[in-house]
């Protein structure tokens, strides 16, 4: 999961870069006219598409990380349950031995 976290952080940085560049382009679009405005709008659309793609990758990675954490939790719960069953078996054996020695007079 550590590797997924570092990759997720890198994707978050890319998303922040897209946001910063989109803010710059928004100002250019507001302050310009004609072909410059059209180019800035096209570039903004490309950046939005790339940003959506990266966000999708980030969401998918988050889902993978959550699945891994759930599997680890399930494994730990199974180990705990096995330990509880083992303790119960041992306790049962010990109690049956003690009960054989127990006499009511």
C-alpha atoms as a PDB file:
ATOM      1  CA  UNK A   1       0.000   0.000   0.000  1.00  0.00           C
ATOM      2  CA  UNK A   2       2.986   2.306   0.504  1.00  0.00           C
ATOM      3  CA  UNK A   3       3.775   2.144  -3.189  1.00  0.00           C
ATOM      4  CA  UNK A   4       0.176   2.984  -4.068  1.00  0.00           C
ATOM      5  CA  UNK A   5       0.237   5.950  -1.688  1.00  0.00           C
ATOM      6  CA  UNK A   6       3.357   7.405  -3.312  1.00  0.00           C
ATOM      7  CA  UNK A   7       1.875   6.920  -6.777  1.00  0.00           C
ATOM      8  CA  UNK A   8      -1.354   8.536  -5.585  1.00  0.00           C
ATOM      9  CA  UNK A   9       0.570  11.506  -4.231  1.00  0.00           C
ATOM     10  CA  UNK A  10       2.315  11.904  -7.590  1.00  0.00           C
ATOM     11  CA  UNK A  11      -1.057  11.894  -9.365  1.00  0.00           C
ATOM     12  CA  UNK A  12      -2.365  14.482  -6.902  1.00  0.00           C
ATOM     13  CA  UNK A  13       0.595  16.719  -7.768  1.00  0.00           C
ATOM     14  CA  UNK A  14      -0.173  16.351 -11.473  1.00  0.00           C
ATOM     15  CA  UNK A  15      -3.792  17.310 -10.820  1.00  0.00           C
ATOM     16  CA  UNK A  16      -2.643  20.403  -8.926  1.00  0.00           C
ATOM     17  CA  UNK A  17      -0.406  21.373 -11.856  1.00  0.00           C
ATOM     18  CA  UNK A  18      -3.373  21.017 -14.219  1.00  0.00           C
ATOM     19  CA  UNK A  19      -5.454  23.247 -11.934  1.00  0.00           C
ATOM     20  CA  UNK A  20      -2.742  25.921 -11.822  1.00  0.00           C
ATOM     21  CA  UNK A  21      -2.326  25.897 -15.592  1.00  0.00           C
ATOM     22  CA  UNK A  22      -6.094  26.013 -16.102  1.00  0.00           C
ATOM     23  CA  UNK A  23      -6.306  29.104 -13.889  1.00  0.00           C
ATOM     24  CA  UNK A  24      -3.657  30.808 -16.024  1.00  0.00           C
ATOM     25  CA  UNK A  25      -5.517  29.878 -19.187  1.00  0.00           C
ATOM     26  CA  UNK A  26      -8.777  31.173 -17.725  1.00  0.00           C
ATOM     27  CA  UNK A  27      -7.194  34.593 -17.258  1.00  0.00           C
ATOM     28  CA  UNK A  28      -5.753  34.500 -20.777  1.00  0.00           C
ATOM     29  CA  UNK A  29      -9.182  33.607 -22.183  1.00  0.00           C
ATOM     30  CA  UNK A  30     -10.823  36.472 -20.295  1.00  0.00           C
ATOM     31  CA  UNK A  31      -8.210  39.022 -21.403  1.00  0.00           C
ATOM     32  CA  UNK A  32      -7.739  38.082 -25.052  1.00  0.00           C
ATOM     33  CA  UNK A  33      -9.723  37.994 -28.272  1.00  0.00           C
ATOM     34  CA  UNK A  34      -9.566  36.278 -31.622  1.00  0.00           C
ATOM     35  CA  UNK A  35      -7.093  33.489 -32.405  1.00  0.00           C
ATOM     36  CA  UNK A  36      -5.263  33.793 -29.078  1.00  0.00           C
ATOM     37  CA  UNK A  37      -8.509  33.211 -27.229  1.00  0.00           C
ATOM     38  CA  UNK A  38      -9.343  30.216 -29.441  1.00  0.00           C
ATOM     39  CA  UNK A  39      -5.901  28.648 -28.857  1.00  0.00           C
ATOM     40  CA  UNK A  40      -6.208  29.176 -25.121  1.00  0.00           C
ATOM     41  CA  UNK A  41      -9.665  27.597 -25.131  1.00  0.00           C
ATOM     42  CA  UNK A  42      -8.418  24.576 -27.098  1.00  0.00           C
ATOM     43  CA  UNK A  43      -5.496  24.167 -24.724  1.00  0.00           C
ATOM     44  CA  UNK A  44      -7.847  24.437 -21.751  1.00  0.00           C
ATOM     45  CA  UNK A  45     -10.056  21.691 -23.202  1.00  0.00           C
ATOM     46  CA  UNK A  46      -7.014  19.445 -23.688  1.00  0.00           C
ATOM     47  CA  UNK A  47      -5.913  20.071 -20.114  1.00  0.00           C
ATOM     48  CA  UNK A  48      -9.396  19.318 -18.798  1.00  0.00           C
ATOM     49  CA  UNK A  49      -9.413  16.001 -20.655  1.00  0.00           C
ATOM     50  CA  UNK A  50      -5.982  15.112 -19.303  1.00  0.00           C
ATOM     51  CA  UNK A  51      -7.030  16.158 -15.819  1.00  0.00           C
ATOM     52  CA  UNK A  52     -10.132  13.947 -15.980  1.00  0.00           C
ATOM     53  CA  UNK A  53      -8.007  11.030 -17.135  1.00  0.00           C
ATOM     54  CA  UNK A  54      -5.528  11.509 -14.269  1.00  0.00           C
ATOM     55  CA  UNK A  55      -8.391  11.862 -11.784  1.00  0.00           C
ATOM     56  CA  UNK A  56      -9.802   8.574 -13.071  1.00  0.00           C
ATOM     57  CA  UNK A  57      -6.433   6.920 -12.552  1.00  0.00           C
ATOM     58  CA  UNK A  58      -6.298   8.364  -9.036  1.00  0.00           C
ATOM     59  CA  UNK A  59      -9.785   7.078  -8.241  1.00  0.00           C
ATOM     60  CA  UNK A  60      -8.904   3.641  -9.571  1.00  0.00           C
ATOM     61  CA  UNK A  61      -5.727   3.592  -7.492  1.00  0.00           C
ATOM     62  CA  UNK A  62      -7.684   4.605  -4.395  1.00  0.00           C
ATOM     63  CA  UNK A  63     -10.086   1.746  -5.068  1.00  0.00           C
ATOM     64  CA  UNK A  64      -7.166  -0.699  -5.384  1.00  0.00           C
ATOM     65  CA  UNK A  65      -5.696   0.560  -2.133  1.00  0.00           C
ATOM     66  CA  UNK A  66      -9.044   0.183  -0.368  1.00  0.00           C
ATOM     67  CA  UNK A  67      -9.396  -3.382  -1.707  1.00  0.00           C
ATOM     68  CA  UNK A  68      -5.925  -4.278  -0.449  1.00  0.00           C
ATOM     69  CA  UNK A  69      -6.680  -2.831   2.979  1.00  0.00           C
ATOM     70  CA  UNK A  70      -9.945  -4.778   3.122  1.00  0.00           C
ATOM     71  CA  UNK A  71      -8.140  -8.006   2.228  1.00  0.00           C
ATOM     72  CA  UNK A  72      -5.552  -7.377   4.949  1.00  0.00           C
ATOM     73  CA  UNK A  73      -8.303  -6.691   7.474  1.00  0.00           C
ATOM     74  CA  UNK A  74     -10.135  -9.889   6.463  1.00  0.00           C
ATOM     75  CA  UNK A  75      -6.930 -11.902   6.782  1.00  0.00           C
ATOM     76  CA  UNK A  76      -6.270 -10.492  10.249  1.00  0.00           C
ATOM     77  CA  UNK A  77      -9.836 -11.252  11.317  1.00  0.00           C
ATOM     78  CA  UNK A  78      -9.480 -14.842  10.081  1.00  0.00           C
ATOM     79  CA  UNK A  79      -6.238 -15.240  12.029  1.00  0.00           C
ATOM     80  CA  UNK A  80      -7.905 -13.851  15.151  1.00  0.00           C
ATOM     81  CA  UNK A  81     -10.846 -16.200  14.717  1.00  0.00           C
ATOM     82  CA  UNK A  82      -8.521 -19.187  14.292  1.00  0.00           C
ATOM     83  CA  UNK A  83      -6.674 -18.213  17.459  1.00  0.00           C
ATOM     84  CA  UNK A  84      -9.976 -17.935  19.340  1.00  0.00           C
ATOM     85  CA  UNK A  85     -11.071 -21.366  18.127  1.00  0.00           C
ATOM     86  CA  UNK A  86      -7.729 -22.865  19.165  1.00  0.00           C
ATOM     87  CA  UNK A  87      -8.043 -21.338  22.623  1.00  0.00           C
ATOM     88  CA  UNK A  88     -11.591 -22.635  22.914  1.00  0.00           C
ATOM     89  CA  UNK A  89     -10.476 -26.153  21.933  1.00  0.00           C
ATOM     90  CA  UNK A  90      -7.674 -26.085  24.485  1.00  0.00           C
ATOM     91  CA  UNK A  91     -10.039 -24.779  27.146  1.00  0.00           C
ATOM     92  CA  UNK A  92     -12.546 -27.493  26.331  1.00  0.00           C
ATOM     93  CA  UNK A  93      -9.887 -30.199  26.688  1.00  0.00           C
ATOM     94  CA  UNK A  94      -8.715 -28.742  29.982  1.00  0.00           C
ATOM     95  CA  UNK A  95     -12.257 -28.456  31.316  1.00  0.00           C
ATOM     96  CA  UNK A  96     -13.115 -32.034  30.383  1.00  0.00           C
ATOM     97  CA  UNK A  97      -9.979 -33.238  32.193  1.00  0.00           C
ATOM     98  CA  UNK A  98     -10.849 -31.207  35.252  1.00  0.00           C
ATOM     99  CA  UNK A  99     -14.452 -32.355  35.149  1.00  0.00           C
ATOM    100  CA  UNK A 100     -13.338 -35.998  35.224  1.00  0.00           C
ATOM    101  CA  UNK A 101     -11.452 -35.292  38.430  1.00  0.00           C
ATOM    102  CA  UNK A 102     -14.345 -33.359  39.929  1.00  0.00           C
ATOM    103  CA  UNK A 103     -16.419 -35.349  42.439  1.00  0.00           C
ATOM    104  CA  UNK A 104     -19.572 -34.265  44.082  1.00  0.00           C
ATOM    105  CA  UNK A 105     -20.081 -35.826  47.500  1.00  0.00           C
END
